[in-house]
C-alpha atoms as a PDB file:
ATOM      1  CA  MET A   1       0.000   0.000   0.000  1.00  0.00           C
ATOM      2  CA  SER A   2       1.157   3.507  -0.681  1.00  0.00           C
ATOM      3  CA  ALA A   3       1.404   6.178   2.007  1.00  0.00           C
ATOM      4  CA  GLU A   4      -1.572   7.920   0.415  1.00  0.00           C
ATOM      5  CA  GLU A   5      -3.735   4.775   0.653  1.00  0.00           C
ATOM      6  CA  ILE A   6      -2.759   4.206   4.293  1.00  0.00           C
ATOM      7  CA  PHE A   7      -3.449   7.865   5.125  1.00  0.00           C
ATOM      8  CA  THR A   8      -6.857   7.741   3.420  1.00  0.00           C
ATOM      9  CA  ILE A   9      -7.846   4.696   5.458  1.00  0.00           C
ATOM     10  CA  ALA A  10      -6.512   6.266   8.682  1.00  0.00           C
ATOM     11  CA  ILE A  11      -8.617   9.413   8.277  1.00  0.00           C
ATOM     12  CA  GLY A  12     -11.771   7.434   7.553  1.00  0.00           C
ATOM     13  CA  GLY A  13     -11.816   7.987   3.819  1.00  0.00           C
ATOM     14  CA  LYS A  14     -12.585   4.306   3.234  1.00  0.00           C
ATOM     15  CA  THR A  15     -16.027   4.154   4.806  1.00  0.00           C
ATOM     16  CA  TYR A  16     -16.175   0.347   4.570  1.00  0.00           C
ATOM     17  CA  VAL A  17     -13.462   0.217   7.275  1.00  0.00           C
ATOM     18  CA  TYR A  18     -15.239   2.500   9.756  1.00  0.00           C
ATOM     19  CA  PRO A  19     -18.767   3.118   8.428  1.00  0.00           C
ATOM     20  CA  ILE A  20     -19.708   5.809  11.005  1.00  0.00           C
ATOM     21  CA  ILE A  21     -16.612   7.919  10.359  1.00  0.00           C
ATOM     22  CA  SER A  22     -16.569  10.546   7.659  1.00  0.00           C
ATOM     23  CA  SER A  23     -13.726  12.729   6.465  1.00  0.00           C
ATOM     24  CA  GLU A  24     -16.201  15.511   5.727  1.00  0.00           C
ATOM     25  CA  ILE A  25     -15.939  18.877   7.417  1.00  0.00           C
ATOM     26  CA  ARG A  26     -19.525  20.022   7.898  1.00  0.00           C
ATOM     27  CA  PRO A  27     -21.993  20.886  10.684  1.00  0.00           C
ATOM     28  CA  GLY A  28     -22.959  17.762  12.616  1.00  0.00           C
ATOM     29  CA  ALA A  29     -19.929  15.749  11.489  1.00  0.00           C
ATOM     30  CA  TYR A  30     -17.400  14.397  13.965  1.00  0.00           C
ATOM     31  CA  ALA A  31     -14.871  17.098  14.784  1.00  0.00           C
ATOM     32  CA  ASP A  32     -11.757  14.987  15.359  1.00  0.00           C
ATOM     33  CA  LEU A  33      -8.403  16.322  14.284  1.00  0.00           C
ATOM     34  CA  LEU A  34      -4.726  16.508  15.116  1.00  0.00           C
ATOM     35  CA  LEU A  35      -2.493  19.506  14.567  1.00  0.00           C
ATOM     36  CA  ILE A  36       1.027  18.370  13.738  1.00  0.00           C
ATOM     37  CA  ASN A  37       4.080  20.577  14.195  1.00  0.00           C
ATOM     38  CA  PRO A  38       5.669  20.730  10.725  1.00  0.00           C
ATOM     39  CA  ASP A  39       8.966  21.915  12.260  1.00  0.00           C
ATOM     40  CA  HIS A  40       9.347  18.873  14.524  1.00  0.00           C
ATOM     41  CA  PRO A  41      12.430  16.775  13.613  1.00  0.00           C
ATOM     42  CA  GLN A  42      10.169  13.827  12.695  1.00  0.00           C
ATOM     43  CA  MET A  43       8.602  15.974   9.974  1.00  0.00           C
ATOM     44  CA  VAL A  44      11.895  17.237   8.507  1.00  0.00           C
ATOM     45  CA  PRO A  45      12.816  17.187   5.670  1.00  0.00           C
ATOM     46  CA  ASN A  46       9.328  17.558   4.306  1.00  0.00           C
ATOM     47  CA  TYR A  47       9.463  16.315   0.747  1.00  0.00           C
ATOM     48  CA  ASN A  48       6.070  14.617   1.114  1.00  0.00           C
ATOM     49  CA  THR A  49       3.805  15.511   4.052  1.00  0.00           C
ATOM     50  CA  VAL A  50       1.604  12.411   3.761  1.00  0.00           C
ATOM     51  CA  SER A  51       4.650  10.099   3.734  1.00  0.00           C
ATOM     52  CA  ASN A  52       6.105  11.913   6.738  1.00  0.00           C
ATOM     53  CA  ILE A  53       2.857  11.492   8.678  1.00  0.00           C
ATOM     54  CA  VAL A  54       2.487   7.796   7.769  1.00  0.00           C
ATOM     55  CA  TYR A  55       6.106   6.678   8.136  1.00  0.00           C
ATOM     56  CA  SER A  56       7.850   9.163  10.449  1.00  0.00           C
ATOM     57  CA  CYS A  57       5.436  11.146  12.577  1.00  0.00           C
ATOM     58  CA  GLY A  58       5.128  10.044  16.205  1.00  0.00           C
ATOM     59  CA  GLU A  59       3.208  11.424  19.146  1.00  0.00           C
ATOM     60  CA  GLU A  60       6.013  13.889  19.877  1.00  0.00           C
ATOM     61  CA  ALA A  61       5.126  15.864  16.742  1.00  0.00           C
ATOM     62  CA  ILE A  62       1.454  16.237  17.689  1.00  0.00           C
ATOM     63  CA  ASP A  63       0.738  19.696  19.080  1.00  0.00           C
ATOM     64  CA  THR A  64      -3.059  19.759  19.485  1.00  0.00           C
ATOM     65  CA  VAL A  65      -5.805  17.115  19.668  1.00  0.00           C
ATOM     66  CA  VAL A  66      -9.510  17.823  19.149  1.00  0.00           C
ATOM     67  CA  CYS A  67     -12.006  14.998  19.671  1.00  0.00           C
ATOM     68  CA  ASN A  68     -15.712  15.430  18.939  1.00  0.00           C
ATOM     69  CA  GLY A  69     -15.178  19.182  18.957  1.00  0.00           C
ATOM     70  CA  GLU A  70     -13.490  19.260  22.387  1.00  0.00           C
ATOM     71  CA  VAL A  71      -9.850  20.340  22.696  1.00  0.00           C
ATOM     72  CA  LEU A  72      -8.143  17.544  24.637  1.00  0.00           C
ATOM     73  CA  MET A  73      -4.558  18.768  24.249  1.00  0.00           C
ATOM     74  CA  GLN A  74      -3.253  22.150  23.141  1.00  0.00           C
ATOM     75  CA  ASN A  75       0.392  23.190  22.792  1.00  0.00           C
ATOM     76  CA  ARG A  76       1.273  19.670  24.034  1.00  0.00           C
ATOM     77  CA  GLN A  77      -0.496  20.413  27.337  1.00  0.00           C
ATOM     78  CA  ILE A  78      -3.401  18.320  28.634  1.00  0.00           C
ATOM     79  CA  PRO A  79      -5.681  20.336  30.921  1.00  0.00           C
ATOM     80  CA  ASP A  80      -5.893  18.731  34.368  1.00  0.00           C
ATOM     81  CA  GLU A  81      -3.612  15.871  33.323  1.00  0.00           C
ATOM     82  CA  THR A  82      -3.276  14.489  36.858  1.00  0.00           C
ATOM     83  CA  THR A  83      -7.059  13.999  37.072  1.00  0.00           C
ATOM     84  CA  VAL A  84      -7.090  12.241  33.684  1.00  0.00           C
ATOM     85  CA  ILE A  85      -4.309   9.876  34.804  1.00  0.00           C
ATOM     86  CA  ALA A  86      -6.011   9.179  38.160  1.00  0.00           C
ATOM     87  CA  GLU A  87      -9.298   8.360  36.390  1.00  0.00           C
ATOM     88  CA  ALA A  88      -7.504   6.053  33.926  1.00  0.00           C
ATOM     89  CA  LYS A  89      -5.873   4.204  36.834  1.00  0.00           C
ATOM     90  CA  ARG A  90      -9.225   3.904  38.605  1.00  0.00           C
ATOM     91  CA  CYS A  91     -10.913   2.522  35.480  1.00  0.00           C
ATOM     92  CA  SER A  92      -8.128   0.060  34.748  1.00  0.00           C
ATOM     93  CA  ALA A  93      -8.183  -1.197  38.363  1.00  0.00           C
ATOM     94  CA  GLY A  94     -11.930  -1.751  38.044  1.00  0.00           C
ATOM     95  CA  LEU A  95     -11.518  -3.679  34.798  1.00  0.00           C
ATOM     96  CA  LEU A  96      -8.765  -5.832  36.264  1.00  0.00           C
ATOM     97  CA  ALA A  97     -10.922  -6.564  39.319  1.00  0.00           C
ATOM     98  CA  LYS A  98     -13.776  -7.680  37.047  1.00  0.00           C
ATOM     99  CA  ILE A  99     -11.578 -10.306  35.420  1.00  0.00           C
ATOM    100  CA  GLY A 100     -10.009 -11.346  38.714  1.00  0.00           C
ATOM    101  CA  ARG A 101      -6.583  -9.811  38.142  1.00  0.00           C
ATOM    102  CA  ASP A 102      -6.511  -7.238  40.913  1.00  0.00           C
END
């Protein structure tokens, strides 16, 4: 598969993979997006942005995350990160207890 094909699938362009996801930008559509820092070392040199994203870009290059219209991370900062981590630990402990692995 080419980088373009992988990228298209990743953003929901192939609706047979994730039928409820659309790559449309319109009122009522899911508002999920990532802002990637084009100056991050993983994105340099930038001969082909799609190839860089597919083959080189890691979480370190992601600057901002928006999920369902809500900003979850901005400027690499997660608001109230300690609460998010505490809640994740609480949930994982509950799941482990349910399967008898506490």
